[in-house]
PDB file of N, CA and C in Angstrom:
ATOM      1  N   UNK A   1     -12.346 -25.237 -29.372  1.00  0.00           N
ATOM      2  CA  UNK A   1     -13.674 -24.878 -28.956  1.00  0.00           C
ATOM      3  C   UNK A   1     -14.140 -25.805 -27.834  1.00  0.00           C
ATOM      4  N   UNK A   2     -14.835 -25.254 -26.903  1.00  0.00           N
ATOM      5  CA  UNK A   2     -15.316 -26.015 -25.741  1.00  0.00           C
ATOM      6  C   UNK A   2     -16.612 -26.729 -26.125  1.00  0.00           C
ATOM      7  N   UNK A   3     -16.752 -27.978 -25.678  1.00  0.00           N
ATOM      8  CA  UNK A   3     -18.003 -28.701 -25.946  1.00  0.00           C
ATOM      9  C   UNK A   3     -19.190 -27.994 -25.299  1.00  0.00           C
ATOM     10  N   UNK A   4     -20.344 -28.179 -25.857  1.00  0.00           N
ATOM     11  CA  UNK A   4     -21.564 -27.589 -25.316  1.00  0.00           C
ATOM     12  C   UNK A   4     -21.759 -28.031 -23.878  1.00  0.00           C
ATOM     13  N   UNK A   5     -22.067 -27.072 -23.010  1.00  0.00           N
ATOM     14  CA  UNK A   5     -22.303 -27.370 -21.606  1.00  0.00           C
ATOM     15  C   UNK A   5     -21.046 -27.374 -20.755  1.00  0.00           C
ATOM     16  N   UNK A   6     -19.870 -27.245 -21.376  1.00  0.00           N
ATOM     17  CA  UNK A   6     -18.626 -27.231 -20.594  1.00  0.00           C
ATOM     18  C   UNK A   6     -18.515 -25.910 -19.844  1.00  0.00           C
ATOM     19  N   UNK A   7     -17.946 -25.984 -18.678  1.00  0.00           N
ATOM     20  CA  UNK A   7     -17.789 -24.774 -17.869  1.00  0.00           C
ATOM     21  C   UNK A   7     -16.524 -24.038 -18.272  1.00  0.00           C
ATOM     22  N   UNK A   8     -16.425 -22.822 -17.812  1.00  0.00           N
ATOM     23  CA  UNK A   8     -15.247 -22.007 -18.105  1.00  0.00           C
ATOM     24  C   UNK A   8     -14.025 -22.607 -17.420  1.00  0.00           C
ATOM     25  N   UNK A   9     -12.872 -22.391 -18.019  1.00  0.00           N
ATOM     26  CA  UNK A   9     -11.624 -22.887 -17.437  1.00  0.00           C
ATOM     27  C   UNK A   9     -11.253 -22.045 -16.217  1.00  0.00           C
ATOM     28  N   UNK A  10     -10.398 -22.573 -15.358  1.00  0.00           N
ATOM     29  CA  UNK A  10      -9.960 -21.776 -14.199  1.00  0.00           C
ATOM     30  C   UNK A  10      -9.350 -20.432 -14.611  1.00  0.00           C
ATOM     31  N   UNK A  11      -8.618 -20.426 -15.710  1.00  0.00           N
ATOM     32  CA  UNK A  11      -8.036 -19.171 -16.191  1.00  0.00           C
ATOM     33  C   UNK A  11      -9.099 -18.157 -16.584  1.00  0.00           C
ATOM     34  N   UNK A  12     -10.162 -18.635 -17.190  1.00  0.00           N
ATOM     35  CA  UNK A  12     -11.262 -17.741 -17.569  1.00  0.00           C
ATOM     36  C   UNK A  12     -11.973 -17.202 -16.337  1.00  0.00           C
ATOM     37  N   UNK A  13     -12.129 -18.049 -15.324  1.00  0.00           N
ATOM     38  CA  UNK A  13     -12.736 -17.591 -14.071  1.00  0.00           C
ATOM     39  C   UNK A  13     -11.871 -16.512 -13.428  1.00  0.00           C
ATOM     40  N   UNK A  14     -10.568 -16.752 -13.403  1.00  0.00           N
ATOM     41  CA  UNK A  14      -9.650 -15.782 -12.801  1.00  0.00           C
ATOM     42  C   UNK A  14      -9.695 -14.462 -13.563  1.00  0.00           C
ATOM     43  N   UNK A  15      -9.674 -14.542 -14.878  1.00  0.00           N
ATOM     44  CA  UNK A  15      -9.716 -13.320 -15.686  1.00  0.00           C
ATOM     45  C   UNK A  15     -11.023 -12.555 -15.460  1.00  0.00           C
ATOM     46  N   UNK A  16     -12.115 -13.278 -15.361  1.00  0.00           N
ATOM     47  CA  UNK A  16     -13.413 -12.636 -15.140  1.00  0.00           C
ATOM     48  C   UNK A  16     -13.486 -11.971 -13.770  1.00  0.00           C
ATOM     49  N   UNK A  17     -12.713 -12.472 -12.809  1.00  0.00           N
ATOM     50  CA  UNK A  17     -12.739 -11.918 -11.447  1.00  0.00           C
ATOM     51  C   UNK A  17     -11.880 -10.668 -11.293  1.00  0.00           C
ATOM     52  N   UNK A  18     -10.988 -10.402 -12.234  1.00  0.00           N
ATOM     53  CA  UNK A  18     -10.056  -9.279 -12.087  1.00  0.00           C
ATOM     54  C   UNK A  18     -10.727  -7.930 -11.835  1.00  0.00           C
ATOM     55  N   UNK A  19     -11.764  -7.547 -12.566  1.00  0.00           N
ATOM     56  CA  UNK A  19     -12.388  -6.248 -12.283  1.00  0.00           C
ATOM     57  C   UNK A  19     -12.937  -6.154 -10.858  1.00  0.00           C
ATOM     58  N   UNK A  20     -13.509  -7.236 -10.370  1.00  0.00           N
ATOM     59  CA  UNK A  20     -14.057  -7.239  -9.003  1.00  0.00           C
ATOM     60  C   UNK A  20     -12.935  -7.116  -7.969  1.00  0.00           C
ATOM     61  N   UNK A  21     -11.849  -7.837  -8.201  1.00  0.00           N
ATOM     62  CA  UNK A  21     -10.698  -7.771  -7.298  1.00  0.00           C
ATOM     63  C   UNK A  21     -10.126  -6.364  -7.285  1.00  0.00           C
ATOM     64  N   UNK A  22      -9.974  -5.765  -8.460  1.00  0.00           N
ATOM     65  CA  UNK A  22      -9.451  -4.399  -8.541  1.00  0.00           C
ATOM     66  C   UNK A  22     -10.361  -3.425  -7.800  1.00  0.00           C
ATOM     67  N   UNK A  23     -11.661  -3.580  -7.939  1.00  0.00           N
ATOM     68  CA  UNK A  23     -12.608  -2.699  -7.241  1.00  0.00           C
ATOM     69  C   UNK A  23     -12.524  -2.899  -5.730  1.00  0.00           C
ATOM     70  N   UNK A  24     -12.378  -4.148  -5.295  1.00  0.00           N
ATOM     71  CA  UNK A  24     -12.249  -4.427  -3.858  1.00  0.00           C
ATOM     72  C   UNK A  24     -10.976  -3.811  -3.288  1.00  0.00           C
ATOM     73  N   UNK A  25      -9.868  -3.941  -4.019  1.00  0.00           N
ATOM     74  CA  UNK A  25      -8.611  -3.340  -3.554  1.00  0.00           C
ATOM     75  C   UNK A  25      -8.708  -1.823  -3.523  1.00  0.00           C
ATOM     76  N   UNK A  26      -9.321  -1.240  -4.534  1.00  0.00           N
ATOM     77  CA  UNK A  26      -9.508   0.216  -4.568  1.00  0.00           C
ATOM     78  C   UNK A  26     -10.255   0.669  -3.322  1.00  0.00           C
ATOM     79  N   UNK A  27     -11.308  -0.036  -2.969  1.00  0.00           N
ATOM     80  CA  UNK A  27     -12.095   0.328  -1.786  1.00  0.00           C
ATOM     81  C   UNK A  27     -11.285   0.141  -0.505  1.00  0.00           C
ATOM     82  N   UNK A  28     -10.512  -0.926  -0.422  1.00  0.00           N
ATOM     83  CA  UNK A  28      -9.673  -1.166   0.750  1.00  0.00           C
ATOM     84  C   UNK A  28      -8.647  -0.050   0.913  1.00  0.00           C
ATOM     85  N   UNK A  29      -7.955   0.289  -0.171  1.00  0.00           N
ATOM     86  CA  UNK A  29      -6.942   1.341  -0.097  1.00  0.00           C
ATOM     87  C   UNK A  29      -7.578   2.681   0.258  1.00  0.00           C
ATOM     88  N   UNK A  30      -8.723   2.977  -0.334  1.00  0.00           N
ATOM     89  CA  UNK A  30      -9.410   4.229  -0.045  1.00  0.00           C
ATOM     90  C   UNK A  30      -9.832   4.296   1.417  1.00  0.00           C
ATOM     91  N   UNK A  31     -10.350   3.202   1.957  1.00  0.00           N
ATOM     92  CA  UNK A  31     -10.788   3.230   3.357  1.00  0.00           C
ATOM     93  C   UNK A  31      -9.602   3.401   4.297  1.00  0.00           C
ATOM     94  N   UNK A  32      -8.472   2.781   3.992  1.00  0.00           N
ATOM     95  CA  UNK A  32      -7.274   2.969   4.828  1.00  0.00           C
ATOM     96  C   UNK A  32      -6.781   4.406   4.728  1.00  0.00           C
ATOM     97  N   UNK A  33      -6.841   4.966   3.539  1.00  0.00           N
ATOM     98  CA  UNK A  33      -6.412   6.350   3.328  1.00  0.00           C
ATOM     99  C   UNK A  33      -7.316   7.305   4.101  1.00  0.00           C
ATOM    100  N   UNK A  34      -8.619   7.097   3.986  1.00  0.00           N
ATOM    101  CA  UNK A  34      -9.561   7.982   4.674  1.00  0.00           C
ATOM    102  C   UNK A  34      -9.475   7.841   6.189  1.00  0.00           C
ATOM    103  N   UNK A  35      -9.048   6.693   6.680  1.00  0.00           N
ATOM    104  CA  UNK A  35      -8.884   6.469   8.117  1.00  0.00           C
ATOM    105  C   UNK A  35      -7.628   7.149   8.666  1.00  0.00           C
ATOM    106  N   UNK A  36      -6.716   7.517   7.787  1.00  0.00           N
ATOM    107  CA  UNK A  36      -5.453   8.129   8.210  1.00  0.00           C
ATOM    108  C   UNK A  36      -5.619   9.634   8.416  1.00  0.00           C
ATOM    109  N   UNK A  37      -4.924  10.156   9.426  1.00  0.00           N
ATOM    110  CA  UNK A  37      -4.901  11.610   9.638  1.00  0.00           C
ATOM    111  C   UNK A  37      -4.070  12.254   8.522  1.00  0.00           C
ATOM    112  N   UNK A  38      -4.105  13.570   8.434  1.00  0.00           N
ATOM    113  CA  UNK A  38      -3.310  14.268   7.421  1.00  0.00           C
ATOM    114  C   UNK A  38      -1.828  13.938   7.558  1.00  0.00           C
ATOM    115  N   UNK A  39      -1.314  13.934   8.786  1.00  0.00           N
ATOM    116  CA  UNK A  39       0.110  13.619   9.002  1.00  0.00           C
ATOM    117  C   UNK A  39       0.405  12.159   8.668  1.00  0.00           C
ATOM    118  N   UNK A  40      -0.514  11.263   8.991  1.00  0.00           N
ATOM    119  CA  UNK A  40      -0.322   9.859   8.621  1.00  0.00           C
ATOM    120  C   UNK A  40      -0.325   9.707   7.102  1.00  0.00           C
ATOM    121  N   UNK A  41      -1.147  10.478   6.428  1.00  0.00           N
ATOM    122  CA  UNK A  41      -1.143  10.449   4.961  1.00  0.00           C
ATOM    123  C   UNK A  41       0.189  10.939   4.423  1.00  0.00           C
ATOM    124  N   UNK A  42       0.755  11.962   5.065  1.00  0.00           N
ATOM    125  CA  UNK A  42       2.090  12.428   4.664  1.00  0.00           C
ATOM    126  C   UNK A  42       3.104  11.291   4.796  1.00  0.00           C
ATOM    127  N   UNK A  43       3.011  10.539   5.890  1.00  0.00           N
ATOM    128  CA  UNK A  43       3.932   9.421   6.117  1.00  0.00           C
ATOM    129  C   UNK A  43       3.721   8.331   5.056  1.00  0.00           C
ATOM    130  N   UNK A  44       2.465   8.006   4.773  1.00  0.00           N
ATOM    131  CA  UNK A  44       2.168   6.997   3.757  1.00  0.00           C
ATOM    132  C   UNK A  44       2.667   7.433   2.385  1.00  0.00           C
ATOM    133  N   UNK A  45       2.524   8.715   2.081  1.00  0.00           N
ATOM    134  CA  UNK A  45       3.004   9.243   0.807  1.00  0.00           C
ATOM    135  C   UNK A  45       4.518   9.134   0.721  1.00  0.00           C
ATOM    136  N   UNK A  46       5.203   9.467   1.815  1.00  0.00           N
ATOM    137  CA  UNK A  46       6.663   9.372   1.847  1.00  0.00           C
ATOM    138  C   UNK A  46       7.113   7.915   1.749  1.00  0.00           C
ATOM    139  N   UNK A  47       6.420   7.004   2.426  1.00  0.00           N
ATOM    140  CA  UNK A  47       6.757   5.580   2.333  1.00  0.00           C
ATOM    141  C   UNK A  47       6.569   5.088   0.904  1.00  0.00           C
ATOM    142  N   UNK A  48       5.484   5.475   0.273  1.00  0.00           N
ATOM    143  CA  UNK A  48       5.229   5.066  -1.115  1.00  0.00           C
ATOM    144  C   UNK A  48       6.320   5.588  -2.039  1.00  0.00           C
ATOM    145  N   UNK A  49       6.748   6.831  -1.822  1.00  0.00           N
ATOM    146  CA  UNK A  49       7.820   7.396  -2.641  1.00  0.00           C
ATOM    147  C   UNK A  49       9.126   6.648  -2.398  1.00  0.00           C
ATOM    148  N   UNK A  50       9.431   6.377  -1.139  1.00  0.00           N
ATOM    149  CA  UNK A  50      10.678   5.686  -0.803  1.00  0.00           C
ATOM    150  C   UNK A  50      10.692   4.267  -1.358  1.00  0.00           C
ATOM    151  N   UNK A  51       9.560   3.573  -1.287  1.00  0.00           N
ATOM    152  CA  UNK A  51       9.546   2.186  -1.760  1.00  0.00           C
ATOM    153  C   UNK A  51       9.629   2.100  -3.279  1.00  0.00           C
ATOM    154  N   UNK A  52       9.428   3.202  -3.967  1.00  0.00           N
ATOM    155  CA  UNK A  52       9.565   3.173  -5.425  1.00  0.00           C
ATOM    156  C   UNK A  52      11.033   3.213  -5.841  1.00  0.00           C
ATOM    157  N   UNK A  53      11.923   3.535  -4.894  1.00  0.00           N
ATOM    158  CA  UNK A  53      13.351   3.592  -5.213  1.00  0.00           C
ATOM    159  C   UNK A  53      14.191   2.613  -4.399  1.00  0.00           C
ATOM    160  N   UNK A  54      13.647   2.095  -3.294  1.00  0.00           N
ATOM    161  CA  UNK A  54      14.372   1.189  -2.397  1.00  0.00           C
ATOM    162  C   UNK A  54      13.472  -0.008  -2.104  1.00  0.00           C
ATOM    163  N   UNK A  55      14.031  -1.207  -2.116  1.00  0.00           N
ATOM    164  CA  UNK A  55      13.218  -2.405  -1.853  1.00  0.00           C
ATOM    165  C   UNK A  55      12.616  -2.411  -0.457  1.00  0.00           C
ATOM    166  N   UNK A  56      13.415  -2.044   0.540  1.00  0.00           N
ATOM    167  CA  UNK A  56      12.944  -2.055   1.926  1.00  0.00           C
ATOM    168  C   UNK A  56      13.284  -0.729   2.592  1.00  0.00           C
ATOM    169  N   UNK A  57      12.475   0.300   2.350  1.00  0.00           N
ATOM    170  CA  UNK A  57      12.780   1.582   2.995  1.00  0.00           C
ATOM    171  C   UNK A  57      12.682   1.468   4.510  1.00  0.00           C
ATOM    172  N   UNK A  58      13.577   2.161   5.194  1.00  0.00           N
ATOM    173  CA  UNK A  58      13.523   2.164   6.661  1.00  0.00           C
ATOM    174  C   UNK A  58      12.948   3.490   7.136  1.00  0.00           C
ATOM    175  N   UNK A  59      12.774   3.605   8.439  1.00  0.00           N
ATOM    176  CA  UNK A  59      12.177   4.812   8.999  1.00  0.00           C
ATOM    177  C   UNK A  59      12.956   6.070   8.671  1.00  0.00           C
ATOM    178  N   UNK A  60      14.273   5.964   8.632  1.00  0.00           N
ATOM    179  CA  UNK A  60      15.100   7.121   8.292  1.00  0.00           C
ATOM    180  C   UNK A  60      14.873   7.593   6.872  1.00  0.00           C
ATOM    181  N   UNK A  61      14.741   6.654   5.948  1.00  0.00           N
ATOM    182  CA  UNK A  61      14.493   7.022   4.552  1.00  0.00           C
ATOM    183  C   UNK A  61      13.115   7.649   4.378  1.00  0.00           C
ATOM    184  N   UNK A  62      12.147   7.154   5.114  1.00  0.00           N
ATOM    185  CA  UNK A  62      10.806   7.749   5.048  1.00  0.00           C
ATOM    186  C   UNK A  62      10.845   9.153   5.641  1.00  0.00           C
ATOM    187  N   UNK A  63      11.516   9.311   6.772  1.00  0.00           N
ATOM    188  CA  UNK A  63      11.645  10.640   7.384  1.00  0.00           C
ATOM    189  C   UNK A  63      12.343  11.596   6.428  1.00  0.00           C
ATOM    190  N   UNK A  64      13.408  11.131   5.770  1.00  0.00           N
ATOM    191  CA  UNK A  64      14.106  11.974   4.792  1.00  0.00           C
ATOM    192  C   UNK A  64      13.166  12.407   3.677  1.00  0.00           C
ATOM    193  N   UNK A  65      12.336  11.479   3.196  1.00  0.00           N
ATOM    194  CA  UNK A  65      11.383  11.811   2.133  1.00  0.00           C
ATOM    195  C   UNK A  65      10.362  12.847   2.596  1.00  0.00           C
ATOM    196  N   UNK A  66      10.139  12.901   3.916  1.00  0.00           N
ATOM    197  CA  UNK A  66       9.221  13.898   4.482  1.00  0.00           C
ATOM    198  C   UNK A  66       9.939  15.199   4.803  1.00  0.00           C
ATOM    199  N   UNK A  67      11.275  15.192   4.712  1.00  0.00           N
ATOM    200  CA  UNK A  67      12.046  16.364   5.109  1.00  0.00           C
ATOM    201  C   UNK A  67      12.026  16.562   6.614  1.00  0.00           C
ATOM    202  N   UNK A  68      12.007  15.438   7.362  1.00  0.00           N
ATOM    203  CA  UNK A  68      11.866  15.503   8.819  1.00  0.00           C
ATOM    204  C   UNK A  68      12.918  14.629   9.493  1.00  0.00           C
ATOM    205  N   UNK A  69      13.103  14.864  10.777  1.00  0.00           N
ATOM    206  CA  UNK A  69      13.953  14.003  11.596  1.00  0.00           C
ATOM    207  C   UNK A  69      13.157  12.747  11.943  1.00  0.00           C
ATOM    208  N   UNK A  70      13.834  11.627  12.009  1.00  0.00           N
ATOM    209  CA  UNK A  70      13.145  10.360  12.279  1.00  0.00           C
ATOM    210  C   UNK A  70      12.383  10.403  13.597  1.00  0.00           C
ATOM    211  N   UNK A  71      12.974  11.012  14.614  1.00  0.00           N
ATOM    212  CA  UNK A  71      12.294  11.020  15.923  1.00  0.00           C
ATOM    213  C   UNK A  71      11.032  11.876  15.909  1.00  0.00           C
ATOM    214  N   UNK A  72      10.935  12.807  14.964  1.00  0.00           N
ATOM    215  CA  UNK A  72       9.744  13.661  14.922  1.00  0.00           C
ATOM    216  C   UNK A  72       8.574  13.002  14.188  1.00  0.00           C
ATOM    217  N   UNK A  73       8.838  11.892  13.486  1.00  0.00           N
ATOM    218  CA  UNK A  73       7.755  11.219  12.756  1.00  0.00           C
ATOM    219  C   UNK A  73       7.594   9.752  13.156  1.00  0.00           C
ATOM    220  N   UNK A  74       8.403   9.283  14.094  1.00  0.00           N
ATOM    221  CA  UNK A  74       8.322   7.868  14.485  1.00  0.00           C
ATOM    222  C   UNK A  74       6.955   7.525  15.081  1.00  0.00           C
ATOM    223  N   UNK A  75       6.307   8.497  15.716  1.00  0.00           N
ATOM    224  CA  UNK A  75       4.971   8.231  16.269  1.00  0.00           C
ATOM    225  C   UNK A  75       3.968   7.927  15.154  1.00  0.00           C
ATOM    226  N   UNK A  76       4.165   8.525  13.986  1.00  0.00           N
ATOM    227  CA  UNK A  76       3.279   8.249  12.853  1.00  0.00           C
ATOM    228  C   UNK A  76       3.456   6.805  12.392  1.00  0.00           C
ATOM    229  N   UNK A  77       4.715   6.384  12.279  1.00  0.00           N
ATOM    230  CA  UNK A  77       5.010   4.998  11.912  1.00  0.00           C
ATOM    231  C   UNK A  77       4.344   4.044  12.903  1.00  0.00           C
ATOM    232  N   UNK A  78       4.517   4.335  14.188  1.00  0.00           N
ATOM    233  CA  UNK A  78       3.946   3.466  15.222  1.00  0.00           C
ATOM    234  C   UNK A  78       2.419   3.396  15.129  1.00  0.00           C
ATOM    235  N   UNK A  79       1.779   4.535  14.894  1.00  0.00           N
ATOM    236  CA  UNK A  79       0.313   4.538  14.775  1.00  0.00           C
ATOM    237  C   UNK A  79      -0.149   3.736  13.563  1.00  0.00           C
ATOM    238  N   UNK A  80       0.564   3.894  12.446  1.00  0.00           N
ATOM    239  CA  UNK A  80       0.181   3.174  11.230  1.00  0.00           C
ATOM    240  C   UNK A  80       0.422   1.670  11.364  1.00  0.00           C
ATOM    241  N   UNK A  81       1.440   1.295  12.128  1.00  0.00           N
ATOM    242  CA  UNK A  81       1.662  -0.127  12.408  1.00  0.00           C
ATOM    243  C   UNK A  81       0.521  -0.658  13.269  1.00  0.00           C
ATOM    244  N   UNK A  82       0.145   0.097  14.299  1.00  0.00           N
ATOM    245  CA  UNK A  82      -0.951  -0.340  15.179  1.00  0.00           C
ATOM    246  C   UNK A  82      -2.277  -0.434  14.435  1.00  0.00           C
ATOM    247  N   UNK A  83      -2.488   0.438  13.464  1.00  0.00           N
ATOM    248  CA  UNK A  83      -3.723   0.402  12.666  1.00  0.00           C
ATOM    249  C   UNK A  83      -3.729  -0.758  11.673  1.00  0.00           C
ATOM    250  N   UNK A  84      -2.557  -1.346  11.432  1.00  0.00           N
ATOM    251  CA  UNK A  84      -2.475  -2.430  10.461  1.00  0.00           C
ATOM    252  C   UNK A  84      -2.375  -1.957   9.030  1.00  0.00           C
ATOM    253  N   UNK A  85      -1.898  -0.727   8.838  1.00  0.00           N
ATOM    254  CA  UNK A  85      -1.733  -0.202   7.486  1.00  0.00           C
ATOM    255  C   UNK A  85      -0.352  -0.531   6.945  1.00  0.00           C
ATOM    256  N   UNK A  86       0.657  -0.496   7.813  1.00  0.00           N
ATOM    257  CA  UNK A  86       2.023  -0.830   7.429  1.00  0.00           C
ATOM    258  C   UNK A  86       2.590  -1.816   8.455  1.00  0.00           C
ATOM    259  N   UNK A  87       3.726  -2.399   8.117  1.00  0.00           N
ATOM    260  CA  UNK A  87       4.425  -3.271   9.064  1.00  0.00           C
ATOM    261  C   UNK A  87       5.926  -3.126   8.863  1.00  0.00           C
ATOM    262  N   UNK A  88       6.663  -3.531   9.878  1.00  0.00           N
ATOM    263  CA  UNK A  88       8.119  -3.531   9.804  1.00  0.00           C
ATOM    264  C   UNK A  88       8.570  -4.984   9.673  1.00  0.00           C
ATOM    265  N   UNK A  89       9.394  -5.254   8.668  1.00  0.00           N
ATOM    266  CA  UNK A  89       9.908  -6.611   8.470  1.00  0.00           C
ATOM    267  C   UNK A  89      10.980  -6.914   9.511  1.00  0.00           C
ATOM    268  N   UNK A  90      11.374  -8.156   9.578  1.00  0.00           N
ATOM    269  CA  UNK A  90      12.404  -8.570  10.516  1.00  0.00           C
ATOM    270  C   UNK A  90      13.720  -7.851  10.307  1.00  0.00           C
ATOM    271  N   UNK A  91      13.978  -7.409   9.091  1.00  0.00           N
ATOM    272  CA  UNK A  91      15.221  -6.689   8.804  1.00  0.00           C
ATOM    273  C   UNK A  91      15.073  -5.182   8.990  1.00  0.00           C
ATOM    274  N   UNK A  92      13.899  -4.734   9.429  1.00  0.00           N
ATOM    275  CA  UNK A  92      13.693  -3.315   9.717  1.00  0.00           C
ATOM    276  C   UNK A  92      13.058  -2.509   8.602  1.00  0.00           C
ATOM    277  N   UNK A  93      12.814  -3.131   7.454  1.00  0.00           N
ATOM    278  CA  UNK A  93      12.182  -2.414   6.353  1.00  0.00           C
ATOM    279  C   UNK A  93      10.704  -2.187   6.615  1.00  0.00           C
ATOM    280  N   UNK A  94      10.186  -1.107   6.080  1.00  0.00           N
ATOM    281  CA  UNK A  94       8.767  -0.769   6.229  1.00  0.00           C
ATOM    282  C   UNK A  94       8.025  -1.120   4.947  1.00  0.00           C
ATOM    283  N   UNK A  95       6.837  -1.659   5.106  1.00  0.00           N
ATOM    284  CA  UNK A  95       6.035  -2.107   3.968  1.00  0.00           C
ATOM    285  C   UNK A  95       4.560  -1.840   4.235  1.00  0.00           C
ATOM    286  N   UNK A  96       3.815  -1.648   3.166  1.00  0.00           N
ATOM    287  CA  UNK A  96       2.360  -1.616   3.275  1.00  0.00           C
ATOM    288  C   UNK A  96       1.881  -3.043   3.524  1.00  0.00           C
ATOM    289  N   UNK A  97       0.886  -3.199   4.384  1.00  0.00           N
ATOM    290  CA  UNK A  97       0.343  -4.531   4.676  1.00  0.00           C
ATOM    291  C   UNK A  97      -0.186  -5.178   3.398  1.00  0.00           C
ATOM    292  N   UNK A  98      -0.928  -4.423   2.610  1.00  0.00           N
ATOM    293  CA  UNK A  98      -1.535  -4.968   1.400  1.00  0.00           C
ATOM    294  C   UNK A  98      -0.702  -4.582   0.188  1.00  0.00           C
ATOM    295  N   UNK A  99      -0.162  -5.575  -0.526  1.00  0.00           N
ATOM    296  CA  UNK A  99       0.607  -5.260  -1.728  1.00  0.00           C
ATOM    297  C   UNK A  99      -0.225  -4.414  -2.691  1.00  0.00           C
ATOM    298  N   UNK A 100       0.426  -3.452  -3.292  1.00  0.00           N
ATOM    299  CA  UNK A 100      -0.239  -2.572  -4.245  1.00  0.00           C
ATOM    300  C   UNK A 100      -0.643  -1.237  -3.660  1.00  0.00           C
ATOM    301  N   UNK A 101      -0.655  -1.107  -2.332  1.00  0.00           N
ATOM    302  CA  UNK A 101      -1.094   0.159  -1.748  1.00  0.00           C
ATOM    303  C   UNK A 101      -0.096   1.276  -2.034  1.00  0.00           C
ATOM    304  N   UNK A 102       1.193   0.964  -2.062  1.00  0.00           N
ATOM    305  CA  UNK A 102       2.182   1.995  -2.374  1.00  0.00           C
ATOM    306  C   UNK A 102       1.942   2.594  -3.754  1.00  0.00           C
ATOM    307  N   UNK A 103       1.698   1.737  -4.731  1.00  0.00           N
ATOM    308  CA  UNK A 103       1.403   2.218  -6.087  1.00  0.00           C
ATOM    309  C   UNK A 103       0.111   3.025  -6.097  1.00  0.00           C
ATOM    310  N   UNK A 104      -0.893   2.584  -5.326  1.00  0.00           N
ATOM    311  CA  UNK A 104      -2.162   3.317  -5.235  1.00  0.00           C
ATOM    312  C   UNK A 104      -1.920   4.711  -4.663  1.00  0.00           C
ATOM    313  N   UNK A 105      -1.129   4.795  -3.600  1.00  0.00           N
ATOM    314  CA  UNK A 105      -0.831   6.096  -2.984  1.00  0.00           C
ATOM    315  C   UNK A 105      -0.104   6.985  -3.989  1.00  0.00           C
ATOM    316  N   UNK A 106       0.879   6.440  -4.694  1.00  0.00           N
ATOM    317  CA  UNK A 106       1.610   7.256  -5.679  1.00  0.00           C
ATOM    318  C   UNK A 106       0.670   7.771  -6.763  1.00  0.00           C
ATOM    319  N   UNK A 107      -0.241   6.926  -7.242  1.00  0.00           N
ATOM    320  CA  UNK A 107      -1.191   7.370  -8.280  1.00  0.00           C
ATOM    321  C   UNK A 107      -2.119   8.460  -7.764  1.00  0.00           C
ATOM    322  N   UNK A 108      -2.562   8.331  -6.522  1.00  0.00           N
ATOM    323  CA  UNK A 108      -3.560   9.255  -5.981  1.00  0.00           C
ATOM    324  C   UNK A 108      -2.965  10.515  -5.363  1.00  0.00           C
ATOM    325  N   UNK A 109      -1.657  10.573  -5.236  1.00  0.00           N
ATOM    326  CA  UNK A 109      -1.036  11.775  -4.671  1.00  0.00           C
ATOM    327  C   UNK A 109      -0.130  12.469  -5.673  1.00  0.00           C
ATOM    328  N   UNK A 110      -0.084  11.976  -6.903  1.00  0.00           N
ATOM    329  CA  UNK A 110       0.756  12.599  -7.930  1.00  0.00           C
ATOM    330  C   UNK A 110       0.238  13.999  -8.223  1.00  0.00           C
ATOM    331  N   UNK A 111       1.164  14.916  -8.284  1.00  0.00           N
ATOM    332  CA  UNK A 111       0.773  16.322  -8.565  1.00  0.00           C
ATOM    333  C   UNK A 111       0.562  16.560 -10.027  1.00  0.00           C
TER     334      UNK A 111
END
């Protein structure tokens, strides 16, 4: 038991902050989603699907998930990189800038 007047432990502070953090991330992911065009959303959905099976999906794997040729969707990748929604790692893998967005996209686009 904590002595009278003692403050909460760092772990208790962190636990208490979780709902606020989750709400902030939800809003961030939603705003990025709403900022994307329909075709960009298709690309984000394909990236989210690809990253659920491959650690570092590349542009070809995302294009395959879209049922498209890589050259026909590379402009979408480039636009999303410029918007700061996704990035390409040094090894060529594609990732969402904010961890957790892929899972958010999968949850919100599940049929």
